[in-house]
Amino acid sequence: MDHEAAFTAVYESNEYARRVERSVEPEAGDIEGDRTVASVDRDGDRLTVTVEAADLIALRAGINTWLSLVDVAERCGGIEAAAR
């Protein structure tokens, strides 16, 4: 893949980060296509999503998808990220 973007959310606790991770991580293998690949990693209270794409249009679409997934997971769990 030629392009990459990563975003990190920092939560109030390791538990909040783990909840969001568990909510979105299964999607990493399910919604990938031939132009986009994503990974989800957690280190303590930090959750990082990395999106790799073959072109900028696919990268933008992947970023939008993953930001939306994380947002929904946070809202459903009543969790707010401290910083993005």
Protein backbone atom coordinates (compact mmCIF):
# COMPACT_ATOMS: atom_id res chain seq x y z
CA MET A 1 0.00 0.00 0.00
CA ASP A 2 1.29 3.45 -0.91
CA HIS A 3 -0.46 5.65 1.66
CA GLU A 4 -0.91 5.44 5.42
CA ALA A 5 -2.66 7.38 8.16
CA ALA A 6 -2.86 6.67 11.89
CA PHE A 7 -4.94 8.20 14.63
CA THR A 8 -4.62 7.71 18.37
CA ALA A 9 -7.25 8.22 21.03
CA VAL A 10 -6.24 8.56 24.67
CA TYR A 11 -8.86 7.47 27.20
CA GLU A 12 -9.37 8.08 30.92
CA SER A 13 -8.43 4.49 31.71
CA ASN A 14 -7.02 1.29 30.25
CA GLU A 15 -10.48 -0.25 30.66
CA TYR A 16 -12.14 2.37 28.43
CA ALA A 17 -9.49 1.87 25.75
CA ARG A 18 -9.94 -1.90 25.99
CA ARG A 19 -13.71 -1.58 25.56
CA VAL A 20 -13.37 0.49 22.40
CA GLU A 21 -10.66 -1.84 21.10
CA ARG A 22 -12.84 -4.90 21.63
CA SER A 23 -15.71 -3.17 19.86
CA VAL A 24 -13.85 -2.17 16.70
CA GLU A 25 -11.00 -4.69 16.35
CA PRO A 26 -13.15 -7.47 14.78
CA GLU A 27 -13.97 -5.07 11.94
CA ALA A 28 -10.30 -4.90 10.89
CA GLY A 29 -10.58 -8.22 9.09
CA ASP A 30 -14.17 -7.85 7.94
CA ILE A 31 -14.31 -4.54 6.10
CA GLU A 32 -10.97 -4.53 4.34
CA GLY A 33 -10.93 -4.52 0.59
CA ASP A 34 -8.30 -4.83 -2.07
CA ARG A 35 -7.44 -1.11 -1.74
CA THR A 36 -7.50 -0.63 2.06
CA VAL A 37 -6.12 -2.44 5.12
CA ALA A 38 -6.56 -1.38 8.76
CA SER A 39 -5.09 -2.42 12.08
CA VAL A 40 -6.12 -1.67 15.65
CA ASP A 41 -3.57 -1.58 18.48
CA ARG A 42 -3.88 -0.67 22.14
CA ASP A 43 -1.15 0.29 24.59
CA GLY A 44 -2.66 0.93 27.99
CA ASP A 45 -5.05 3.87 27.70
CA ARG A 46 -4.12 4.60 24.05
CA LEU A 47 -5.90 3.13 21.05
CA THR A 48 -4.28 3.54 17.65
CA VAL A 49 -5.93 2.76 14.33
CA THR A 50 -3.72 2.62 11.26
CA VAL A 51 -5.22 2.70 7.78
CA GLU A 52 -3.15 1.78 4.73
CA ALA A 53 -4.46 2.34 1.23
CA ALA A 54 -3.46 1.98 -2.39
CA ASP A 55 -4.61 5.51 -3.28
CA LEU A 56 -5.72 8.71 -1.59
CA ILE A 57 -9.42 8.21 -2.31
CA ALA A 58 -9.35 4.81 -0.61
CA LEU A 59 -7.34 6.29 2.28
CA ARG A 60 -9.94 9.01 2.85
CA ALA A 61 -12.75 6.46 2.76
CA GLY A 62 -10.89 4.20 5.18
CA ILE A 63 -10.19 7.04 7.60
CA ASN A 64 -13.85 8.10 7.55
CA THR A 65 -14.98 4.53 8.16
CA TRP A 66 -12.65 3.96 11.11
CA LEU A 67 -13.28 7.33 12.74
CA SER A 68 -17.00 6.56 12.53
CA LEU A 69 -16.55 3.07 14.02
CA VAL A 70 -14.53 4.43 16.96
CA ASP A 71 -17.04 7.23 17.49
CA VAL A 72 -19.96 4.79 17.62
CA ALA A 73 -18.08 2.50 20.03
CA GLU A 74 -17.36 5.46 22.30
CA ARG A 75 -20.94 6.74 22.24
CA CYS A 76 -22.43 3.31 22.87
CA GLY A 77 -20.09 2.76 25.79
CA GLY A 78 -20.52 6.26 27.21
CA ILE A 79 -16.79 6.81 26.75
CA GLU A 80 -15.02 10.00 25.77
CA ALA A 81 -11.47 10.20 24.52
CA ALA A 82 -9.28 12.64 26.42
CA ALA A 83 -7.50 13.70 23.22
CA ARG A 84 -7.34 12.74 19.57
